[in-house]
Amino acid sequence: MASFDIVSEIDMMEVENAINQAQKEIAQRFDFRGGKSSIELDKPGKKIKIVADDDMKLRSIHQVISAKMAKRNLDLRALKYGKEEAATGNTIRQVIDIKAAMEKEEAKEVTKAIKDSKLKVTVEVQGDQVRVTSKSIDELQATIAMLKGKELTFPLQFINMRS
């Protein structure tokens, strides 16, 4: 029996590198000079904390983070933007959660999509991952292709391919 696992993870080392690059760019940019804008990564809590002088600078920081993460092949769907809050000194604060594991609802959505496709595979949810097994490697590859073509609101990775 051939199998593979479907997970929704993000490489935190790459996230840290992308945030470090974003911090350097913001420190060097002319439009951020003299302001209180900052980006901070809370690695254990898997959060990015942003402080910006105004709404326009907050949008600029979002664009910088998105560009740096995209350059490092990180899926931007792993970022969940929190509510913008007023902070001290007329600044705006926002927390971005970094999605690090597949939730139960997302696993159910993946399982339902695979079962609806009528492929000859068996699907099993195992904690924060989904295991797909089949006698045919072609069926597994068809499952991967089908899921890649699907419009999902969260990133998927396919790991542990065994034949």
N, C-alpha and C. Protein backbone atom coordinates (compact mmCIF):
# COMPACT_ATOMS: atom_id res chain seq x y z
N MET A 1 0.83 -1.19 0.00
CA MET A 1 0.00 0.00 0.00
C MET A 1 0.88 1.25 0.00
N ALA A 2 0.63 2.11 -0.94
CA ALA A 2 1.34 3.39 -1.03
C ALA A 2 0.56 4.43 -0.23
N SER A 3 1.27 5.39 0.33
CA SER A 3 0.59 6.42 1.12
C SER A 3 1.40 7.71 1.13
N PHE A 4 0.73 8.77 1.54
CA PHE A 4 1.38 10.05 1.82
C PHE A 4 0.55 10.80 2.84
N ASP A 5 1.15 11.81 3.46
CA ASP A 5 0.46 12.61 4.46
C ASP A 5 0.25 14.02 3.92
N ILE A 6 -0.87 14.61 4.31
CA ILE A 6 -1.18 16.00 3.96
C ILE A 6 -1.10 16.80 5.26
N VAL A 7 -0.29 17.84 5.27
CA VAL A 7 -0.15 18.70 6.45
C VAL A 7 -0.29 20.16 6.03
N SER A 8 -0.46 21.01 7.01
CA SER A 8 -0.50 22.45 6.77
C SER A 8 0.49 23.07 7.74
N GLU A 9 1.74 23.19 7.31
CA GLU A 9 2.81 23.69 8.17
C GLU A 9 3.51 24.87 7.49
N ILE A 10 4.32 25.56 8.27
CA ILE A 10 5.15 26.62 7.70
C ILE A 10 6.52 26.53 8.39
N ASP A 11 7.55 26.76 7.63
CA ASP A 11 8.92 26.69 8.13
C ASP A 11 9.21 27.96 8.93
N MET A 12 9.27 27.84 10.26
CA MET A 12 9.46 29.01 11.12
C MET A 12 10.83 29.67 10.93
N MET A 13 11.83 28.89 10.52
CA MET A 13 13.14 29.49 10.27
C MET A 13 13.06 30.44 9.07
N GLU A 14 12.34 30.03 8.04
CA GLU A 14 12.16 30.90 6.87
C GLU A 14 11.32 32.13 7.23
N VAL A 15 10.32 31.94 8.10
CA VAL A 15 9.51 33.08 8.55
C VAL A 15 10.40 34.07 9.30
N GLU A 16 11.26 33.55 10.17
CA GLU A 16 12.18 34.42 10.92
C GLU A 16 13.09 35.20 9.97
N ASN A 17 13.61 34.52 8.95
CA ASN A 17 14.47 35.19 7.98
C ASN A 17 13.70 36.28 7.22
N ALA A 18 12.47 35.98 6.81
CA ALA A 18 11.65 36.95 6.09
C ALA A 18 11.35 38.17 6.96
N ILE A 19 11.05 37.95 8.24
CA ILE A 19 10.76 39.06 9.16
C ILE A 19 12.01 39.89 9.40
N ASN A 20 13.16 39.23 9.53
CA ASN A 20 14.42 39.98 9.70
C ASN A 20 14.69 40.88 8.50
N GLN A 21 14.45 40.36 7.29
CA GLN A 21 14.63 41.17 6.08
C GLN A 21 13.64 42.33 6.05
N ALA A 22 12.39 42.06 6.46
CA ALA A 22 11.38 43.12 6.49
C ALA A 22 11.77 44.21 7.49
N GLN A 23 12.30 43.81 8.65
CA GLN A 23 12.73 44.78 9.66
C GLN A 23 13.85 45.67 9.11
N LYS A 24 14.79 45.06 8.40
CA LYS A 24 15.90 45.83 7.82
C LYS A 24 15.38 46.82 6.77
N GLU A 25 14.44 46.36 5.94
CA GLU A 25 13.91 47.25 4.90
C GLU A 25 13.18 48.43 5.52
N ILE A 26 12.39 48.19 6.55
CA ILE A 26 11.64 49.27 7.19
C ILE A 26 12.59 50.24 7.88
N ALA A 27 13.68 49.73 8.46
CA ALA A 27 14.66 50.61 9.11
C ALA A 27 15.35 51.51 8.10
N GLN A 28 15.49 51.06 6.85
CA GLN A 28 16.20 51.82 5.83
C GLN A 28 15.30 52.72 4.98
N ARG A 29 14.01 52.43 4.95
CA ARG A 29 13.13 53.20 4.07
C ARG A 29 12.91 54.62 4.57
N PHE A 30 12.90 55.54 3.63
CA PHE A 30 12.76 56.96 3.94
C PHE A 30 11.40 57.26 4.58
N ASP A 31 10.33 56.65 4.08
CA ASP A 31 8.99 56.97 4.58
C ASP A 31 8.75 56.47 6.02
N PHE A 32 9.63 55.63 6.55
CA PHE A 32 9.49 55.14 7.93
C PHE A 32 10.45 55.84 8.91
N ARG A 33 11.31 56.73 8.40
CA ARG A 33 12.29 57.40 9.26
C ARG A 33 11.60 58.30 10.28
N GLY A 34 12.08 58.25 11.51
CA GLY A 34 11.55 59.12 12.55
C GLY A 34 10.22 58.66 13.12
N GLY A 35 9.73 57.56 12.67
CA GLY A 35 8.44 57.06 13.16
C GLY A 35 8.62 55.96 14.19
N LYS A 36 7.52 55.42 14.63
CA LYS A 36 7.55 54.38 15.65
C LYS A 36 7.18 53.01 15.08
N SER A 37 7.20 52.87 13.77
CA SER A 37 6.80 51.61 13.14
C SER A 37 7.82 50.51 13.44
N SER A 38 7.29 49.31 13.72
CA SER A 38 8.18 48.18 14.00
C SER A 38 7.47 46.86 13.72
N ILE A 39 8.30 45.84 13.53
CA ILE A 39 7.80 44.46 13.34
C ILE A 39 8.56 43.61 14.35
N GLU A 40 7.82 42.74 15.02
CA GLU A 40 8.44 41.87 16.01
C GLU A 40 7.88 40.46 15.84
N LEU A 41 8.76 39.47 15.84
CA LEU A 41 8.35 38.07 15.70
C LEU A 41 8.37 37.40 17.06
N ASP A 42 7.23 36.82 17.45
CA ASP A 42 7.13 36.02 18.67
C ASP A 42 7.16 34.56 18.21
N LYS A 43 8.38 33.99 18.15
CA LYS A 43 8.55 32.66 17.57
C LYS A 43 7.80 31.57 18.36
N PRO A 44 7.94 31.52 19.71
CA PRO A 44 7.22 30.46 20.43
C PRO A 44 5.70 30.59 20.32
N GLY A 45 5.20 31.81 20.31
CA GLY A 45 3.76 32.04 20.20
C GLY A 45 3.25 32.03 18.78
N LYS A 46 4.18 31.94 17.81
CA LYS A 46 3.85 31.95 16.38
C LYS A 46 2.98 33.16 16.01
N LYS A 47 3.49 34.34 16.36
CA LYS A 47 2.79 35.60 16.07
C LYS A 47 3.77 36.64 15.56
N ILE A 48 3.27 37.53 14.71
CA ILE A 48 4.03 38.68 14.25
C ILE A 48 3.30 39.91 14.79
N LYS A 49 4.02 40.75 15.53
CA LYS A 49 3.40 41.95 16.11
C LYS A 49 3.88 43.16 15.33
N ILE A 50 2.93 43.94 14.85
CA ILE A 50 3.23 45.13 14.05
C ILE A 50 2.75 46.37 14.79
N VAL A 51 3.60 47.39 14.82
CA VAL A 51 3.20 48.71 15.31
C VAL A 51 3.49 49.68 14.17
N ALA A 52 2.49 50.50 13.82
CA ALA A 52 2.66 51.45 12.72
C ALA A 52 2.14 52.82 13.16
N ASP A 53 2.70 53.85 12.51
CA ASP A 53 2.30 55.22 12.84
C ASP A 53 0.88 55.53 12.37
N ASP A 54 0.49 55.01 11.22
CA ASP A 54 -0.85 55.25 10.70
C ASP A 54 -1.26 54.09 9.80
N ASP A 55 -2.45 54.17 9.29
CA ASP A 55 -3.02 53.10 8.48
C ASP A 55 -2.23 52.85 7.20
N MET A 56 -1.75 53.93 6.59
CA MET A 56 -0.99 53.80 5.34
C MET A 56 0.33 53.05 5.58
N LYS A 57 1.00 53.36 6.68
CA LYS A 57 2.26 52.67 7.00
C LYS A 57 2.00 51.21 7.37
N LEU A 58 0.87 50.94 7.99
CA LEU A 58 0.50 49.56 8.31
C LEU A 58 0.34 48.75 7.02
N ARG A 59 -0.32 49.34 6.03
CA ARG A 59 -0.48 48.66 4.72
C ARG A 59 0.88 48.45 4.05
N SER A 60 1.77 49.43 4.18
CA SER A 60 3.12 49.29 3.62
C SER A 60 3.88 48.15 4.29
N ILE A 61 3.73 48.03 5.60
CA ILE A 61 4.38 46.93 6.33
C ILE A 61 3.82 45.58 5.88
N HIS A 62 2.50 45.52 5.68
CA HIS A 62 1.88 44.28 5.17
C HIS A 62 2.50 43.89 3.82
N GLN A 63 2.66 44.89 2.95
CA GLN A 63 3.23 44.62 1.62
C GLN A 63 4.67 44.14 1.72
N VAL A 64 5.45 44.74 2.62
CA VAL A 64 6.85 44.35 2.79
C VAL A 64 6.92 42.90 3.31
N ILE A 65 6.11 42.59 4.32
CA ILE A 65 6.10 41.23 4.88
C ILE A 65 5.68 40.23 3.81
N SER A 66 4.63 40.55 3.06
CA SER A 66 4.15 39.65 2.00
C SER A 66 5.22 39.42 0.95
N ALA A 67 5.91 40.48 0.54
CA ALA A 67 6.95 40.35 -0.48
C ALA A 67 8.11 39.49 0.02
N LYS A 68 8.54 39.72 1.26
CA LYS A 68 9.67 38.95 1.80
C LYS A 68 9.30 37.49 1.99
N MET A 69 8.07 37.21 2.40
CA MET A 69 7.64 35.81 2.59
C MET A 69 7.47 35.12 1.24
N ALA A 70 6.94 35.83 0.27
CA ALA A 70 6.76 35.24 -1.06
C ALA A 70 8.10 34.91 -1.70
N LYS A 71 9.10 35.77 -1.47
CA LYS A 71 10.44 35.53 -2.00
C LYS A 71 11.05 34.25 -1.44
N ARG A 72 10.65 33.90 -0.23
CA ARG A 72 11.16 32.69 0.43
C ARG A 72 10.22 31.51 0.25
N ASN A 73 9.32 31.60 -0.71
CA ASN A 73 8.36 30.52 -1.03
C ASN A 73 7.51 30.10 0.16
N LEU A 74 7.12 31.06 0.98
CA LEU A 74 6.21 30.79 2.09
C LEU A 74 4.80 31.15 1.65
N ASP A 75 3.86 30.30 1.98
CA ASP A 75 2.47 30.51 1.57
C ASP A 75 1.83 31.58 2.44
N LEU A 76 1.32 32.63 1.81
CA LEU A 76 0.75 33.76 2.54
C LEU A 76 -0.59 33.41 3.20
N ARG A 77 -1.19 32.28 2.79
CA ARG A 77 -2.44 31.86 3.43
C ARG A 77 -2.21 31.39 4.86
N ALA A 78 -0.95 31.20 5.25
CA ALA A 78 -0.63 30.79 6.62
C ALA A 78 -0.71 31.97 7.59
N LEU A 79 -0.87 33.19 7.08
CA LEU A 79 -0.96 34.37 7.93
C LEU A 79 -2.43 34.73 8.17
N LYS A 80 -2.80 34.86 9.43
CA LYS A 80 -4.15 35.26 9.81
C LYS A 80 -4.06 36.63 10.49
N TYR A 81 -4.49 37.67 9.76
CA TYR A 81 -4.38 39.04 10.26
C TYR A 81 -5.42 39.29 11.34
N GLY A 82 -4.97 39.79 12.48
CA GLY A 82 -5.86 40.13 13.57
C GLY A 82 -6.46 41.51 13.39
N LYS A 83 -7.21 41.94 14.40
CA LYS A 83 -7.88 43.23 14.36
C LYS A 83 -6.88 44.35 14.61
N GLU A 84 -7.06 45.45 13.91
CA GLU A 84 -6.22 46.63 14.13
C GLU A 84 -6.71 47.33 15.39
N GLU A 85 -5.75 47.67 16.26
CA GLU A 85 -6.11 48.32 17.52
C GLU A 85 -5.34 49.62 17.67
N ALA A 86 -5.98 50.60 18.30
CA ALA A 86 -5.27 51.85 18.60
C ALA A 86 -4.32 51.59 19.76
N ALA A 87 -3.09 52.09 19.64
CA ALA A 87 -2.10 51.89 20.69
C ALA A 87 -1.63 53.25 21.21
N THR A 88 -0.72 53.24 22.15
CA THR A 88 -0.24 54.49 22.74
C THR A 88 0.52 55.32 21.72
N GLY A 89 0.49 56.61 21.90
CA GLY A 89 1.23 57.53 21.04
C GLY A 89 0.67 57.62 19.63
N ASN A 90 -0.64 57.53 19.48
CA ASN A 90 -1.31 57.62 18.17
C ASN A 90 -0.77 56.60 17.16
N THR A 91 -0.49 55.40 17.62
CA THR A 91 -0.02 54.35 16.72
C THR A 91 -1.10 53.27 16.58
N ILE A 92 -0.89 52.40 15.59
CA ILE A 92 -1.82 51.29 15.35
C ILE A 92 -1.05 50.01 15.58
N ARG A 93 -1.69 49.07 16.30
CA ARG A 93 -1.06 47.80 16.59
C ARG A 93 -1.90 46.68 15.94
N GLN A 94 -1.21 45.69 15.41
CA GLN A 94 -1.90 44.54 14.82
C GLN A 94 -1.06 43.29 15.07
N VAL A 95 -1.74 42.18 15.34
CA VAL A 95 -1.07 40.90 15.55
C VAL A 95 -1.46 39.97 14.41
N ILE A 96 -0.46 39.34 13.82
CA ILE A 96 -0.70 38.37 12.75
C ILE A 96 -0.36 36.99 13.31
N ASP A 97 -1.34 36.09 13.31
CA ASP A 97 -1.10 34.72 13.75
C ASP A 97 -0.52 33.93 12.59
N ILE A 98 0.48 33.12 12.90
CA ILE A 98 1.08 32.24 11.90
C ILE A 98 0.49 30.85 12.11
N LYS A 99 -0.21 30.39 11.11
CA LYS A 99 -0.88 29.10 11.19
C LYS A 99 0.16 27.99 11.07
N ALA A 100 0.24 27.15 12.09
CA ALA A 100 1.30 26.15 12.12
C ALA A 100 0.80 24.72 12.00
N ALA A 101 -0.49 24.49 12.08
CA ALA A 101 -1.00 23.12 12.00
C ALA A 101 -2.39 23.12 11.38
N MET A 102 -2.77 21.97 10.84
CA MET A 102 -4.09 21.83 10.25
C MET A 102 -5.13 21.65 11.36
N GLU A 103 -6.20 22.43 11.29
CA GLU A 103 -7.27 22.32 12.28
C GLU A 103 -8.25 21.24 11.85
N LYS A 104 -9.10 20.81 12.79
CA LYS A 104 -10.04 19.72 12.52
C LYS A 104 -10.98 20.04 11.36
N GLU A 105 -11.48 21.28 11.31
CA GLU A 105 -12.41 21.66 10.23
C GLU A 105 -11.71 21.59 8.88
N GLU A 106 -10.44 22.02 8.85
CA GLU A 106 -9.68 21.98 7.60
C GLU A 106 -9.41 20.54 7.18
N ALA A 107 -9.11 19.67 8.14
CA ALA A 107 -8.90 18.26 7.84
C ALA A 107 -10.18 17.64 7.29
N LYS A 108 -11.32 18.03 7.85
CA LYS A 108 -12.61 17.53 7.35
C LYS A 108 -12.86 18.02 5.93
N GLU A 109 -12.50 19.27 5.65
CA GLU A 109 -12.68 19.84 4.31
C GLU A 109 -11.82 19.09 3.29
N VAL A 110 -10.58 18.77 3.65
CA VAL A 110 -9.69 18.02 2.76
C VAL A 110 -10.25 16.62 2.54
N THR A 111 -10.68 15.96 3.62
CA THR A 111 -11.24 14.61 3.53
C THR A 111 -12.47 14.59 2.64
N LYS A 112 -13.35 15.57 2.81
CA LYS A 112 -14.57 15.65 2.00
C LYS A 112 -14.23 15.86 0.52
N ALA A 113 -13.25 16.71 0.24
CA ALA A 113 -12.85 16.96 -1.15
C ALA A 113 -12.31 15.70 -1.80
N ILE A 114 -11.54 14.93 -1.05
CA ILE A 114 -10.98 13.69 -1.60
C ILE A 114 -12.08 12.67 -1.84
N LYS A 115 -13.00 12.54 -0.87
CA LYS A 115 -14.09 11.56 -1.02
C LYS A 115 -15.04 11.96 -2.16
N ASP A 116 -15.28 13.25 -2.33
CA ASP A 116 -16.16 13.72 -3.41
C ASP A 116 -15.54 13.50 -4.78
N SER A 117 -14.21 13.37 -4.85
CA SER A 117 -13.54 13.20 -6.14
C SER A 117 -13.67 11.78 -6.68
N LYS A 118 -14.17 10.85 -5.86
CA LYS A 118 -14.40 9.45 -6.26
C LYS A 118 -13.11 8.73 -6.65
N LEU A 119 -11.96 9.18 -6.15
CA LEU A 119 -10.71 8.47 -6.39
C LEU A 119 -10.67 7.24 -5.48
N LYS A 120 -9.95 6.21 -5.91
CA LYS A 120 -9.89 4.96 -5.15
C LYS A 120 -8.78 5.04 -4.11
N VAL A 121 -9.00 5.89 -3.11
CA VAL A 121 -8.05 6.05 -2.02
C VAL A 121 -8.81 6.01 -0.70
N THR A 122 -8.10 5.67 0.37
CA THR A 122 -8.70 5.76 1.70
C THR A 122 -8.06 6.94 2.42
N VAL A 123 -8.89 7.64 3.17
CA VAL A 123 -8.44 8.86 3.85
C VAL A 123 -8.66 8.68 5.34
N GLU A 124 -7.64 9.09 6.12
CA GLU A 124 -7.72 8.95 7.57
C GLU A 124 -7.12 10.19 8.22
N VAL A 125 -7.88 10.81 9.12
CA VAL A 125 -7.39 11.98 9.84
C VAL A 125 -6.58 11.50 11.04
N GLN A 126 -5.34 11.97 11.14
CA GLN A 126 -4.46 11.60 12.26
C GLN A 126 -3.96 12.87 12.93
N GLY A 127 -4.72 13.35 13.89
CA GLY A 127 -4.34 14.58 14.60
C GLY A 127 -4.37 15.78 13.68
N ASP A 128 -3.19 16.38 13.44
CA ASP A 128 -3.13 17.58 12.60
C ASP A 128 -2.64 17.26 11.18
N GLN A 129 -2.82 16.00 10.76
CA GLN A 129 -2.48 15.62 9.39
C GLN A 129 -3.50 14.62 8.87
N VAL A 130 -3.51 14.47 7.55
CA VAL A 130 -4.42 13.55 6.89
C VAL A 130 -3.57 12.53 6.13
N ARG A 131 -3.80 11.26 6.38
CA ARG A 131 -3.07 10.20 5.66
C ARG A 131 -3.95 9.67 4.54
N VAL A 132 -3.36 9.59 3.35
CA VAL A 132 -4.07 9.07 2.18
C VAL A 132 -3.33 7.81 1.74
N THR A 133 -4.06 6.69 1.60
CA THR A 133 -3.45 5.42 1.17
C THR A 133 -4.20 4.87 -0.03
N SER A 134 -3.48 4.11 -0.85
CA SER A 134 -4.07 3.48 -2.03
C SER A 134 -3.13 2.38 -2.52
N LYS A 135 -3.67 1.47 -3.30
CA LYS A 135 -2.84 0.43 -3.91
C LYS A 135 -2.05 0.99 -5.08
N SER A 136 -2.56 2.06 -5.68
CA SER A 136 -1.97 2.62 -6.88
C SER A 136 -1.32 3.98 -6.60
N ILE A 137 -0.07 4.12 -7.00
CA ILE A 137 0.61 5.41 -6.86
C ILE A 137 -0.04 6.45 -7.77
N ASP A 138 -0.57 6.00 -8.91
CA ASP A 138 -1.25 6.91 -9.83
C ASP A 138 -2.45 7.58 -9.16
N GLU A 139 -3.18 6.82 -8.34
CA GLU A 139 -4.33 7.38 -7.62
C GLU A 139 -3.87 8.45 -6.62
N LEU A 140 -2.73 8.17 -5.96
CA LEU A 140 -2.19 9.15 -5.01
C LEU A 140 -1.76 10.43 -5.72
N GLN A 141 -1.13 10.27 -6.87
CA GLN A 141 -0.71 11.44 -7.64
C GLN A 141 -1.92 12.22 -8.15
N ALA A 142 -2.96 11.51 -8.52
CA ALA A 142 -4.20 12.18 -8.96
C ALA A 142 -4.82 12.95 -7.80
N THR A 143 -4.73 12.38 -6.59
CA THR A 143 -5.26 13.05 -5.39
C THR A 143 -4.49 14.35 -5.13
N ILE A 144 -3.16 14.28 -5.22
CA ILE A 144 -2.33 15.48 -5.02
C ILE A 144 -2.67 16.54 -6.06
N ALA A 145 -2.78 16.13 -7.32
CA ALA A 145 -3.10 17.08 -8.40
C ALA A 145 -4.47 17.72 -8.17
N MET A 146 -5.44 16.91 -7.73
CA MET A 146 -6.79 17.43 -7.48
C MET A 146 -6.76 18.46 -6.35
N LEU A 147 -6.02 18.15 -5.27
CA LEU A 147 -5.96 19.08 -4.13
C LEU A 147 -5.21 20.37 -4.48
N LYS A 148 -4.17 20.26 -5.31
CA LYS A 148 -3.44 21.46 -5.73
C LYS A 148 -4.31 22.38 -6.58
N GLY A 149 -5.24 21.80 -7.34
CA GLY A 149 -6.12 22.60 -8.18
C GLY A 149 -7.30 23.17 -7.42
N LYS A 150 -7.54 22.72 -6.21
CA LYS A 150 -8.66 23.17 -5.40
C LYS A 150 -8.36 24.53 -4.77
N GLU A 151 -9.36 25.38 -4.67
CA GLU A 151 -9.21 26.70 -4.04
C GLU A 151 -9.47 26.55 -2.54
N LEU A 152 -8.41 26.42 -1.76
CA LEU A 152 -8.53 26.29 -0.31
C LEU A 152 -8.02 27.57 0.34
N THR A 153 -8.51 27.83 1.56
CA THR A 153 -8.11 29.05 2.27
C THR A 153 -6.90 28.82 3.16
N PHE A 154 -6.28 27.64 3.05
CA PHE A 154 -5.12 27.32 3.87
C PHE A 154 -4.11 26.55 3.02
N PRO A 155 -2.82 26.65 3.37
CA PRO A 155 -1.80 25.98 2.57
C PRO A 155 -1.73 24.48 2.89
N LEU A 156 -1.37 23.69 1.90
CA LEU A 156 -1.18 22.25 2.08
C LEU A 156 0.21 21.85 1.62
N GLN A 157 0.80 20.90 2.33
CA GLN A 157 2.05 20.28 1.90
C GLN A 157 1.83 18.77 1.90
N PHE A 158 2.50 18.10 1.00
CA PHE A 158 2.38 16.66 0.85
C PHE A 158 3.72 16.04 1.24
N ILE A 159 3.72 15.23 2.29
CA ILE A 159 4.96 14.68 2.82
C ILE A 159 4.87 13.17 2.98
N ASN A 160 5.98 12.54 3.26
CA ASN A 160 6.08 11.11 3.58
C ASN A 160 5.49 10.21 2.50
N MET A 161 5.79 10.46 1.24
CA MET A 161 5.31 9.61 0.15
C MET A 161 6.01 8.26 0.25
N ARG A 162 5.23 7.22 0.41
CA ARG A 162 5.77 5.86 0.51
C ARG A 162 5.09 4.97 -0.50
N SER A 163 5.89 4.10 -1.12
CA SER A 163 5.28 3.18 -2.09
C SER A 163 5.48 1.73 -1.67
